[in-house]
N, C-alpha and C. Protein backbone atom coordinates (compact mmCIF):
# COMPACT_ATOMS: atom_id res chain seq x y z
N MET A 1 6.87 -21.28 2.97
CA MET A 1 6.26 -20.76 4.18
C MET A 1 4.76 -20.99 4.09
N ASP A 2 4.18 -21.55 5.14
CA ASP A 2 2.74 -21.79 5.11
C ASP A 2 1.99 -20.47 5.36
N ALA A 3 0.71 -20.48 5.06
CA ALA A 3 -0.08 -19.25 5.11
C ALA A 3 -0.13 -18.63 6.50
N LEU A 4 -0.34 -19.43 7.54
CA LEU A 4 -0.43 -18.87 8.89
C LEU A 4 0.91 -18.28 9.34
N THR A 5 1.99 -18.90 8.98
CA THR A 5 3.30 -18.35 9.32
C THR A 5 3.50 -17.03 8.59
N ALA A 6 3.14 -16.98 7.32
CA ALA A 6 3.29 -15.74 6.56
C ALA A 6 2.45 -14.62 7.18
N LEU A 7 1.24 -14.93 7.57
CA LEU A 7 0.36 -13.92 8.15
C LEU A 7 0.86 -13.44 9.51
N THR A 8 1.37 -14.34 10.33
CA THR A 8 1.73 -13.97 11.70
C THR A 8 3.16 -13.47 11.85
N THR A 9 3.98 -13.61 10.81
CA THR A 9 5.36 -13.12 10.90
C THR A 9 5.64 -11.94 9.99
N ARG A 10 4.69 -11.54 9.15
CA ARG A 10 4.89 -10.39 8.27
C ARG A 10 5.03 -9.14 9.12
N ALA A 11 5.96 -8.30 8.75
CA ALA A 11 6.16 -7.04 9.46
C ALA A 11 6.68 -6.00 8.46
N SER A 12 6.43 -4.75 8.76
CA SER A 12 6.93 -3.68 7.90
C SER A 12 8.43 -3.53 8.07
N ALA A 13 9.11 -3.38 6.96
CA ALA A 13 10.57 -3.25 6.96
C ALA A 13 10.95 -1.80 7.19
N PRO A 14 12.01 -1.54 7.97
CA PRO A 14 12.45 -0.15 8.16
C PRO A 14 13.19 0.39 6.93
N SER A 15 13.78 -0.51 6.14
CA SER A 15 14.45 -0.08 4.91
C SER A 15 14.48 -1.26 3.93
N LEU A 16 14.61 -0.92 2.66
CA LEU A 16 14.60 -1.93 1.61
C LEU A 16 15.67 -1.61 0.58
N VAL A 17 16.21 -2.65 -0.03
CA VAL A 17 17.26 -2.50 -1.03
C VAL A 17 16.94 -3.39 -2.23
N GLU A 18 17.77 -3.25 -3.27
CA GLU A 18 17.69 -4.16 -4.42
C GLU A 18 18.09 -5.55 -3.95
N PRO A 19 17.59 -6.59 -4.57
CA PRO A 19 16.68 -6.54 -5.70
C PRO A 19 15.22 -6.44 -5.28
N ALA A 20 14.47 -5.78 -6.13
CA ALA A 20 13.02 -5.75 -6.00
C ALA A 20 12.47 -7.01 -6.65
N PRO A 21 11.21 -7.31 -6.43
CA PRO A 21 10.61 -8.41 -7.17
C PRO A 21 10.75 -8.16 -8.68
N ASP A 22 11.19 -9.18 -9.41
CA ASP A 22 11.29 -9.05 -10.87
C ASP A 22 9.90 -9.22 -11.46
N ASP A 23 9.80 -9.18 -12.78
CA ASP A 23 8.49 -9.25 -13.42
C ASP A 23 7.75 -10.54 -13.10
N ALA A 24 8.46 -11.66 -13.03
CA ALA A 24 7.81 -12.94 -12.71
C ALA A 24 7.30 -12.93 -11.27
N ALA A 25 8.10 -12.42 -10.35
CA ALA A 25 7.67 -12.35 -8.95
C ALA A 25 6.51 -11.36 -8.80
N LEU A 26 6.59 -10.24 -9.52
CA LEU A 26 5.51 -9.25 -9.46
C LEU A 26 4.21 -9.86 -9.97
N ALA A 27 4.28 -10.67 -11.02
CA ALA A 27 3.08 -11.33 -11.53
C ALA A 27 2.46 -12.24 -10.46
N ARG A 28 3.30 -12.94 -9.72
CA ARG A 28 2.80 -13.81 -8.64
C ARG A 28 2.18 -12.98 -7.52
N LEU A 29 2.81 -11.86 -7.20
CA LEU A 29 2.26 -10.99 -6.16
C LEU A 29 0.89 -10.44 -6.56
N LEU A 30 0.77 -10.05 -7.81
CA LEU A 30 -0.52 -9.53 -8.29
C LEU A 30 -1.58 -10.62 -8.34
N GLU A 31 -1.14 -11.85 -8.64
CA GLU A 31 -2.08 -12.98 -8.63
C GLU A 31 -2.65 -13.16 -7.22
N ALA A 32 -1.80 -13.02 -6.21
CA ALA A 32 -2.29 -13.10 -4.82
C ALA A 32 -3.21 -11.93 -4.51
N ALA A 33 -2.85 -10.74 -4.98
CA ALA A 33 -3.64 -9.54 -4.70
C ALA A 33 -5.06 -9.67 -5.23
N VAL A 34 -5.20 -10.11 -6.47
CA VAL A 34 -6.53 -10.16 -7.08
C VAL A 34 -7.36 -11.34 -6.62
N ALA A 35 -6.82 -12.15 -5.71
CA ALA A 35 -7.60 -13.22 -5.08
C ALA A 35 -8.34 -12.70 -3.85
N ALA A 36 -8.23 -11.42 -3.59
CA ALA A 36 -8.87 -10.82 -2.41
C ALA A 36 -10.39 -10.90 -2.50
N PRO A 37 -11.07 -10.89 -1.36
CA PRO A 37 -12.53 -10.83 -1.37
C PRO A 37 -13.00 -9.58 -2.12
N ASP A 38 -14.07 -9.74 -2.87
CA ASP A 38 -14.52 -8.66 -3.75
C ASP A 38 -16.02 -8.76 -3.96
N HIS A 39 -16.79 -8.12 -3.09
CA HIS A 39 -18.25 -8.14 -3.19
C HIS A 39 -18.68 -7.58 -4.55
N GLY A 40 -19.46 -8.35 -5.27
CA GLY A 40 -19.96 -7.93 -6.57
C GLY A 40 -18.98 -8.15 -7.71
N ARG A 41 -17.83 -8.71 -7.41
CA ARG A 41 -16.80 -8.94 -8.43
C ARG A 41 -16.53 -7.69 -9.27
N LEU A 42 -16.42 -6.57 -8.59
CA LEU A 42 -16.17 -5.30 -9.29
C LEU A 42 -14.70 -5.13 -9.64
N ARG A 43 -13.84 -5.85 -8.95
CA ARG A 43 -12.39 -5.74 -9.17
C ARG A 43 -11.96 -4.27 -9.16
N PRO A 44 -12.17 -3.60 -8.02
CA PRO A 44 -11.92 -2.17 -7.97
C PRO A 44 -10.44 -1.79 -7.87
N TRP A 45 -9.59 -2.77 -7.61
CA TRP A 45 -8.17 -2.48 -7.40
C TRP A 45 -7.46 -2.12 -8.69
N ARG A 46 -6.50 -1.22 -8.54
CA ARG A 46 -5.58 -0.85 -9.62
C ARG A 46 -4.20 -0.81 -9.01
N PHE A 47 -3.20 -1.21 -9.77
CA PHE A 47 -1.83 -1.25 -9.30
C PHE A 47 -0.97 -0.46 -10.27
N ILE A 48 -0.21 0.47 -9.74
CA ILE A 48 0.67 1.29 -10.56
C ILE A 48 2.09 1.05 -10.06
N ALA A 49 2.93 0.47 -10.91
CA ALA A 49 4.32 0.19 -10.55
C ALA A 49 5.17 1.44 -10.79
N VAL A 50 5.96 1.78 -9.80
CA VAL A 50 6.87 2.93 -9.89
C VAL A 50 8.25 2.39 -9.55
N ARG A 51 9.15 2.43 -10.53
CA ARG A 51 10.50 1.90 -10.32
C ARG A 51 11.50 2.72 -11.11
N GLY A 52 12.76 2.47 -10.85
CA GLY A 52 13.81 3.20 -11.57
C GLY A 52 13.69 4.69 -11.36
N ASN A 53 13.95 5.45 -12.43
CA ASN A 53 13.91 6.91 -12.37
C ASN A 53 12.51 7.46 -12.10
N ALA A 54 11.49 6.66 -12.35
CA ALA A 54 10.12 7.11 -12.08
C ALA A 54 9.92 7.39 -10.59
N ARG A 55 10.69 6.73 -9.73
CA ARG A 55 10.58 6.99 -8.29
C ARG A 55 10.95 8.45 -7.98
N ARG A 56 11.99 8.95 -8.63
CA ARG A 56 12.39 10.35 -8.41
C ARG A 56 11.31 11.29 -8.93
N ARG A 57 10.72 10.95 -10.08
CA ARG A 57 9.65 11.79 -10.62
C ARG A 57 8.44 11.79 -9.69
N LEU A 58 8.12 10.63 -9.09
CA LEU A 58 7.03 10.58 -8.11
C LEU A 58 7.39 11.45 -6.90
N GLY A 59 8.64 11.42 -6.49
CA GLY A 59 9.08 12.28 -5.39
C GLY A 59 8.89 13.75 -5.71
N ASP A 60 9.17 14.13 -6.95
CA ASP A 60 8.95 15.52 -7.37
C ASP A 60 7.47 15.87 -7.28
N VAL A 61 6.61 14.96 -7.74
CA VAL A 61 5.16 15.18 -7.67
C VAL A 61 4.72 15.34 -6.22
N MET A 62 5.23 14.48 -5.34
CA MET A 62 4.85 14.54 -3.93
C MET A 62 5.32 15.85 -3.29
N ALA A 63 6.52 16.29 -3.65
CA ALA A 63 7.04 17.55 -3.11
C ALA A 63 6.23 18.73 -3.63
N GLU A 64 5.89 18.73 -4.92
CA GLU A 64 5.08 19.81 -5.49
C GLU A 64 3.70 19.86 -4.82
N ALA A 65 3.13 18.69 -4.56
CA ALA A 65 1.82 18.63 -3.90
C ALA A 65 1.92 19.17 -2.47
N LEU A 66 2.98 18.82 -1.77
CA LEU A 66 3.19 19.33 -0.42
C LEU A 66 3.32 20.85 -0.43
N LYS A 67 4.08 21.37 -1.39
CA LYS A 67 4.26 22.82 -1.49
C LYS A 67 2.94 23.52 -1.79
N ALA A 68 2.08 22.88 -2.59
CA ALA A 68 0.77 23.46 -2.88
C ALA A 68 -0.12 23.45 -1.63
N ARG A 69 -0.01 22.41 -0.82
CA ARG A 69 -0.81 22.32 0.41
C ARG A 69 -0.29 23.26 1.49
N GLU A 70 1.05 23.42 1.53
CA GLU A 70 1.70 24.22 2.56
C GLU A 70 2.74 25.14 1.89
N PRO A 71 2.29 26.27 1.36
CA PRO A 71 3.19 27.14 0.58
C PRO A 71 4.48 27.56 1.30
N GLY A 72 4.48 27.66 2.60
CA GLY A 72 5.67 28.11 3.30
C GLY A 72 6.57 26.99 3.81
N VAL A 73 6.36 25.79 3.31
CA VAL A 73 7.13 24.65 3.82
C VAL A 73 8.62 24.83 3.53
N PRO A 74 9.48 24.54 4.52
CA PRO A 74 10.93 24.70 4.30
C PRO A 74 11.46 23.73 3.24
N GLU A 75 12.52 24.16 2.57
CA GLU A 75 13.12 23.35 1.50
C GLU A 75 13.59 21.99 2.03
N ALA A 76 14.08 21.93 3.25
CA ALA A 76 14.53 20.65 3.81
C ALA A 76 13.38 19.65 3.93
N VAL A 77 12.21 20.14 4.26
CA VAL A 77 11.02 19.27 4.36
C VAL A 77 10.60 18.81 2.96
N LEU A 78 10.68 19.71 1.99
CA LEU A 78 10.36 19.34 0.61
C LEU A 78 11.33 18.27 0.10
N GLU A 79 12.60 18.41 0.44
CA GLU A 79 13.60 17.43 -0.01
C GLU A 79 13.36 16.08 0.63
N LYS A 80 12.95 16.08 1.88
CA LYS A 80 12.62 14.82 2.57
C LYS A 80 11.42 14.15 1.89
N GLU A 81 10.43 14.94 1.53
CA GLU A 81 9.25 14.41 0.83
C GLU A 81 9.66 13.86 -0.53
N ARG A 82 10.52 14.59 -1.22
CA ARG A 82 10.99 14.20 -2.55
C ARG A 82 11.74 12.87 -2.50
N ALA A 83 12.42 12.59 -1.41
CA ALA A 83 13.23 11.38 -1.29
C ALA A 83 12.43 10.14 -0.89
N LYS A 84 11.21 10.31 -0.41
CA LYS A 84 10.44 9.17 0.09
C LYS A 84 10.30 8.01 -0.90
N PRO A 85 10.01 8.25 -2.16
CA PRO A 85 9.87 7.11 -3.09
C PRO A 85 11.16 6.33 -3.34
N GLU A 86 12.27 6.87 -2.90
CA GLU A 86 13.54 6.17 -3.12
C GLU A 86 13.90 5.28 -1.93
N ARG A 87 12.95 5.07 -1.02
CA ARG A 87 13.18 4.19 0.13
C ARG A 87 13.18 2.72 -0.26
N ALA A 88 12.72 2.44 -1.47
CA ALA A 88 12.63 1.04 -1.92
C ALA A 88 12.81 1.01 -3.44
N PRO A 89 13.27 -0.12 -3.96
CA PRO A 89 13.48 -0.19 -5.41
C PRO A 89 12.18 -0.31 -6.22
N LEU A 90 11.08 -0.65 -5.57
CA LEU A 90 9.80 -0.77 -6.27
C LEU A 90 8.69 -0.27 -5.36
N ILE A 91 7.82 0.54 -5.93
CA ILE A 91 6.62 0.97 -5.23
C ILE A 91 5.43 0.53 -6.07
N LEU A 92 4.49 -0.09 -5.41
CA LEU A 92 3.20 -0.37 -6.06
C LEU A 92 2.18 0.54 -5.41
N VAL A 93 1.62 1.43 -6.20
CA VAL A 93 0.53 2.26 -5.72
C VAL A 93 -0.73 1.43 -5.89
N VAL A 94 -1.43 1.20 -4.79
CA VAL A 94 -2.68 0.45 -4.84
C VAL A 94 -3.81 1.46 -4.72
N ALA A 95 -4.69 1.44 -5.70
CA ALA A 95 -5.81 2.37 -5.71
C ALA A 95 -7.12 1.62 -5.91
N ALA A 96 -8.18 2.26 -5.49
CA ALA A 96 -9.52 1.71 -5.69
C ALA A 96 -10.25 2.59 -6.70
N LYS A 97 -10.67 1.99 -7.81
CA LYS A 97 -11.49 2.68 -8.81
C LYS A 97 -12.94 2.54 -8.33
N LEU A 98 -13.45 3.58 -7.70
CA LEU A 98 -14.75 3.50 -7.05
C LEU A 98 -15.89 3.82 -8.02
N ILE A 99 -16.93 3.02 -7.91
CA ILE A 99 -18.17 3.26 -8.66
C ILE A 99 -19.17 3.80 -7.65
N ALA A 100 -19.49 5.08 -7.75
CA ALA A 100 -20.31 5.75 -6.73
C ALA A 100 -21.74 5.20 -6.67
N GLN A 101 -22.38 5.09 -7.79
CA GLN A 101 -23.77 4.68 -7.80
C GLN A 101 -23.86 3.20 -8.15
N HIS A 102 -23.60 2.36 -7.18
CA HIS A 102 -23.62 0.91 -7.39
C HIS A 102 -24.20 0.26 -6.15
N LYS A 103 -24.78 -0.92 -6.31
CA LYS A 103 -25.36 -1.60 -5.15
C LYS A 103 -24.30 -1.98 -4.12
N VAL A 104 -23.05 -2.15 -4.56
CA VAL A 104 -21.94 -2.38 -3.63
C VAL A 104 -21.44 -1.01 -3.18
N PRO A 105 -21.60 -0.69 -1.90
CA PRO A 105 -21.20 0.65 -1.43
C PRO A 105 -19.71 0.92 -1.65
N PRO A 106 -19.35 2.19 -1.88
CA PRO A 106 -17.94 2.53 -2.08
C PRO A 106 -17.01 2.03 -0.97
N VAL A 107 -17.49 2.01 0.28
CA VAL A 107 -16.64 1.53 1.36
C VAL A 107 -16.26 0.07 1.16
N GLU A 108 -17.16 -0.73 0.63
CA GLU A 108 -16.84 -2.14 0.37
C GLU A 108 -15.87 -2.27 -0.80
N GLN A 109 -15.98 -1.40 -1.78
CA GLN A 109 -15.03 -1.40 -2.89
C GLN A 109 -13.64 -1.02 -2.38
N LEU A 110 -13.58 -0.04 -1.50
CA LEU A 110 -12.32 0.39 -0.91
C LEU A 110 -11.71 -0.72 -0.07
N LEU A 111 -12.55 -1.40 0.71
CA LEU A 111 -12.05 -2.51 1.52
C LEU A 111 -11.52 -3.65 0.65
N ALA A 112 -12.14 -3.89 -0.49
CA ALA A 112 -11.63 -4.93 -1.40
C ALA A 112 -10.23 -4.58 -1.89
N ALA A 113 -10.01 -3.31 -2.21
CA ALA A 113 -8.67 -2.88 -2.64
C ALA A 113 -7.68 -3.00 -1.48
N GLY A 114 -8.13 -2.69 -0.27
CA GLY A 114 -7.28 -2.86 0.91
C GLY A 114 -6.94 -4.32 1.15
N ALA A 115 -7.91 -5.20 0.93
CA ALA A 115 -7.64 -6.63 1.08
C ALA A 115 -6.64 -7.10 0.02
N ALA A 116 -6.73 -6.55 -1.17
CA ALA A 116 -5.77 -6.89 -2.23
C ALA A 116 -4.36 -6.45 -1.82
N ALA A 117 -4.26 -5.27 -1.23
CA ALA A 117 -2.95 -4.78 -0.77
C ALA A 117 -2.39 -5.70 0.31
N GLN A 118 -3.23 -6.10 1.26
CA GLN A 118 -2.77 -7.00 2.32
C GLN A 118 -2.34 -8.35 1.75
N ASN A 119 -3.12 -8.90 0.82
CA ASN A 119 -2.71 -10.16 0.19
C ASN A 119 -1.33 -10.02 -0.45
N LEU A 120 -1.13 -8.91 -1.12
CA LEU A 120 0.14 -8.69 -1.81
C LEU A 120 1.30 -8.62 -0.81
N LEU A 121 1.11 -7.92 0.30
CA LEU A 121 2.17 -7.82 1.31
C LEU A 121 2.50 -9.18 1.92
N VAL A 122 1.48 -9.96 2.22
CA VAL A 122 1.72 -11.28 2.81
C VAL A 122 2.41 -12.18 1.79
N ALA A 123 2.00 -12.10 0.53
CA ALA A 123 2.66 -12.90 -0.51
C ALA A 123 4.12 -12.48 -0.68
N ALA A 124 4.39 -11.18 -0.63
CA ALA A 124 5.77 -10.71 -0.74
C ALA A 124 6.62 -11.28 0.40
N HIS A 125 6.08 -11.27 1.60
CA HIS A 125 6.79 -11.83 2.75
C HIS A 125 7.04 -13.32 2.54
N ALA A 126 6.03 -14.04 2.09
CA ALA A 126 6.17 -15.49 1.87
C ALA A 126 7.23 -15.79 0.81
N MET A 127 7.42 -14.86 -0.13
CA MET A 127 8.40 -15.04 -1.19
C MET A 127 9.79 -14.51 -0.80
N GLY A 128 9.92 -14.00 0.42
CA GLY A 128 11.22 -13.55 0.91
C GLY A 128 11.52 -12.08 0.70
N TYR A 129 10.54 -11.30 0.29
CA TYR A 129 10.74 -9.86 0.09
C TYR A 129 10.28 -9.09 1.32
N GLY A 130 10.84 -7.92 1.50
CA GLY A 130 10.40 -7.02 2.54
C GLY A 130 9.42 -6.01 1.96
N SER A 131 8.66 -5.39 2.84
CA SER A 131 7.67 -4.42 2.38
C SER A 131 7.33 -3.44 3.48
N MET A 132 6.74 -2.35 3.08
CA MET A 132 6.11 -1.40 4.00
C MET A 132 4.94 -0.76 3.27
N TRP A 133 3.87 -0.53 4.00
CA TRP A 133 2.65 0.07 3.47
C TRP A 133 2.60 1.50 4.00
N LYS A 134 2.64 2.47 3.11
CA LYS A 134 2.62 3.88 3.50
C LYS A 134 1.42 4.58 2.87
N THR A 135 0.92 5.58 3.58
CA THR A 135 -0.12 6.44 3.03
C THR A 135 0.34 7.88 3.23
N GLY A 136 -0.17 8.55 4.23
CA GLY A 136 0.17 9.95 4.45
C GLY A 136 -0.57 10.86 3.49
N ALA A 137 -0.29 12.14 3.61
CA ALA A 137 -1.00 13.15 2.82
C ALA A 137 -0.97 12.89 1.31
N PRO A 138 0.13 12.38 0.73
CA PRO A 138 0.12 12.15 -0.72
C PRO A 138 -0.98 11.17 -1.18
N ALA A 139 -1.37 10.25 -0.32
CA ALA A 139 -2.40 9.29 -0.70
C ALA A 139 -3.77 9.95 -0.87
N TYR A 140 -3.95 11.12 -0.27
CA TYR A 140 -5.25 11.79 -0.31
C TYR A 140 -5.21 13.07 -1.14
N ASP A 141 -4.11 13.30 -1.79
CA ASP A 141 -3.90 14.55 -2.52
C ASP A 141 -4.37 14.43 -3.97
N ALA A 142 -5.24 15.35 -4.38
CA ALA A 142 -5.79 15.33 -5.75
C ALA A 142 -4.69 15.47 -6.80
N GLN A 143 -3.68 16.29 -6.53
CA GLN A 143 -2.59 16.50 -7.48
C GLN A 143 -1.78 15.21 -7.67
N VAL A 144 -1.54 14.47 -6.60
CA VAL A 144 -0.81 13.21 -6.70
C VAL A 144 -1.65 12.19 -7.46
N LYS A 145 -2.94 12.10 -7.13
CA LYS A 145 -3.81 11.15 -7.84
C LYS A 145 -3.84 11.46 -9.34
N LYS A 146 -3.96 12.72 -9.68
CA LYS A 146 -4.00 13.11 -11.10
C LYS A 146 -2.69 12.72 -11.80
N ALA A 147 -1.56 12.99 -11.16
CA ALA A 147 -0.27 12.66 -11.76
C ALA A 147 -0.13 11.16 -11.99
N LEU A 148 -0.77 10.35 -11.15
CA LEU A 148 -0.72 8.89 -11.30
C LEU A 148 -1.76 8.36 -12.28
N GLY A 149 -2.55 9.26 -12.88
CA GLY A 149 -3.54 8.84 -13.86
C GLY A 149 -4.84 8.37 -13.24
N LEU A 150 -5.07 8.72 -12.00
CA LEU A 150 -6.30 8.32 -11.32
C LEU A 150 -7.35 9.42 -11.44
N ASP A 151 -8.60 9.02 -11.37
CA ASP A 151 -9.70 9.97 -11.41
C ASP A 151 -9.92 10.56 -10.03
N PRO A 152 -10.56 11.73 -9.94
CA PRO A 152 -10.77 12.38 -8.64
C PRO A 152 -11.49 11.51 -7.61
N GLN A 153 -12.44 10.68 -8.06
CA GLN A 153 -13.19 9.85 -7.11
C GLN A 153 -12.43 8.60 -6.68
N ASP A 154 -11.34 8.27 -7.37
CA ASP A 154 -10.54 7.10 -7.01
C ASP A 154 -9.83 7.37 -5.69
N GLN A 155 -9.53 6.31 -4.98
CA GLN A 155 -8.85 6.43 -3.70
C GLN A 155 -7.54 5.66 -3.72
N ILE A 156 -6.47 6.29 -3.29
CA ILE A 156 -5.21 5.57 -3.11
C ILE A 156 -5.29 4.87 -1.77
N VAL A 157 -5.17 3.56 -1.81
CA VAL A 157 -5.21 2.74 -0.61
C VAL A 157 -3.85 2.76 0.08
N GLY A 158 -2.80 2.79 -0.72
CA GLY A 158 -1.47 2.84 -0.12
C GLY A 158 -0.37 2.80 -1.16
N PHE A 159 0.79 3.20 -0.70
CA PHE A 159 2.01 3.07 -1.48
C PHE A 159 2.73 1.87 -0.86
N LEU A 160 2.81 0.76 -1.59
CA LEU A 160 3.46 -0.43 -1.07
C LEU A 160 4.91 -0.43 -1.54
N TYR A 161 5.81 -0.26 -0.61
CA TYR A 161 7.24 -0.25 -0.90
C TYR A 161 7.73 -1.69 -0.84
N LEU A 162 8.42 -2.14 -1.89
CA LEU A 162 8.86 -3.53 -1.98
C LEU A 162 10.34 -3.61 -2.34
N GLY A 163 11.01 -4.58 -1.78
CA GLY A 163 12.41 -4.81 -2.08
C GLY A 163 12.94 -5.93 -1.21
N SER A 164 14.24 -5.97 -1.09
CA SER A 164 14.89 -6.98 -0.26
C SER A 164 15.28 -6.34 1.07
N LEU A 165 15.35 -7.19 2.08
CA LEU A 165 15.74 -6.72 3.41
C LEU A 165 17.26 -6.66 3.50
N PRO A 166 17.81 -5.55 3.97
CA PRO A 166 19.27 -5.47 4.11
C PRO A 166 19.78 -6.30 5.29
N ALA A 167 18.90 -6.63 6.23
CA ALA A 167 19.25 -7.44 7.41
C ALA A 167 17.99 -8.17 7.86
N ALA A 168 18.18 -9.17 8.68
CA ALA A 168 17.04 -9.93 9.19
C ALA A 168 16.09 -8.97 9.91
N LEU A 169 14.81 -9.20 9.70
CA LEU A 169 13.77 -8.35 10.29
C LEU A 169 13.29 -8.98 11.59
N VAL A 170 13.28 -8.20 12.64
CA VAL A 170 12.75 -8.66 13.92
C VAL A 170 11.37 -8.02 14.08
N PRO A 171 10.30 -8.82 13.97
CA PRO A 171 8.96 -8.24 14.11
C PRO A 171 8.75 -7.63 15.50
N ALA A 172 8.01 -6.55 15.53
CA ALA A 172 7.66 -5.91 16.80
C ALA A 172 6.74 -6.83 17.59
N ALA A 173 6.73 -6.66 18.89
CA ALA A 173 5.82 -7.44 19.74
C ALA A 173 4.38 -7.12 19.34
N ARG A 174 3.59 -8.13 19.33
CA ARG A 174 2.18 -7.94 18.97
C ARG A 174 1.31 -8.10 20.21
N PRO A 175 0.16 -7.44 20.22
CA PRO A 175 -0.74 -7.58 21.36
C PRO A 175 -1.35 -8.98 21.41
N THR A 176 -1.83 -9.34 22.57
CA THR A 176 -2.51 -10.62 22.73
C THR A 176 -3.84 -10.55 22.00
N PRO A 177 -4.07 -11.42 21.02
CA PRO A 177 -5.30 -11.34 20.23
C PRO A 177 -6.58 -11.41 21.06
N ALA A 178 -6.58 -12.17 22.14
CA ALA A 178 -7.79 -12.33 22.95
C ALA A 178 -8.27 -11.01 23.54
N THR A 179 -7.39 -10.02 23.66
CA THR A 179 -7.82 -8.73 24.22
C THR A 179 -8.77 -7.98 23.28
N PHE A 180 -8.86 -8.42 22.05
CA PHE A 180 -9.74 -7.77 21.07
C PHE A 180 -11.03 -8.54 20.82
N LEU A 181 -11.24 -9.61 21.56
CA LEU A 181 -12.38 -10.50 21.34
C LEU A 181 -13.39 -10.37 22.46
N THR A 182 -14.65 -10.22 22.06
CA THR A 182 -15.75 -10.32 23.02
C THR A 182 -16.77 -11.28 22.44
N ASP A 183 -17.50 -11.92 23.31
CA ASP A 183 -18.60 -12.79 22.88
C ASP A 183 -19.89 -12.02 23.01
N TRP A 184 -20.63 -11.96 21.94
CA TRP A 184 -21.91 -11.28 21.93
C TRP A 184 -23.01 -12.29 22.21
N THR A 185 -23.90 -11.99 23.13
CA THR A 185 -24.99 -12.91 23.42
C THR A 185 -26.36 -12.28 23.27
N GLN A 186 -26.42 -10.93 23.35
CA GLN A 186 -27.70 -10.24 23.21
C GLN A 186 -27.47 -8.77 22.91
N PRO A 187 -28.48 -8.06 22.42
CA PRO A 187 -28.31 -6.64 22.14
C PRO A 187 -27.96 -5.86 23.40
N ALA A 188 -27.14 -4.84 23.22
CA ALA A 188 -26.77 -3.97 24.35
C ALA A 188 -27.99 -3.16 24.78
N ALA A 189 -28.02 -2.85 26.03
CA ALA A 189 -29.17 -2.09 26.56
C ALA A 189 -29.04 -0.63 26.23
């Protein structure tokens, strides 16, 4: 698949099954990820693979964090949260290790990690895998970050769910790109 086709046909999968990318495929995906633009060559991205029984343990962490944020949450909601990591056979947590006092602002470091995540998703699609990029409250939760071995100032960019598609994926309709383009000719009044 050529690059433009991969970029314009990639879509989030509603569900994923085995097989997940194996170690060789994962190495190729990470190679694509670390080719992302990176002002200052800080390489702020970190990737944490969660697979097998570790997915259930991550679900427990996410449920415990939800309960800490919302003490009265119903058990059914906690169980739904607990099950989220089992939506795919492999999760890559993409995080940005931010350096606060650096000439490259933290927002640019965060964007570099986001670009790495996007590269990885497009590469997964080009290799025939399905994916979905999730965030939600667990991505911003200090308890979840700590359980994943991240420092308080680090930012989780996303939980990238990876696996195989159980059926052909029909991408959603996309907006006309020209609707987002304006030509600038002079400063606004």
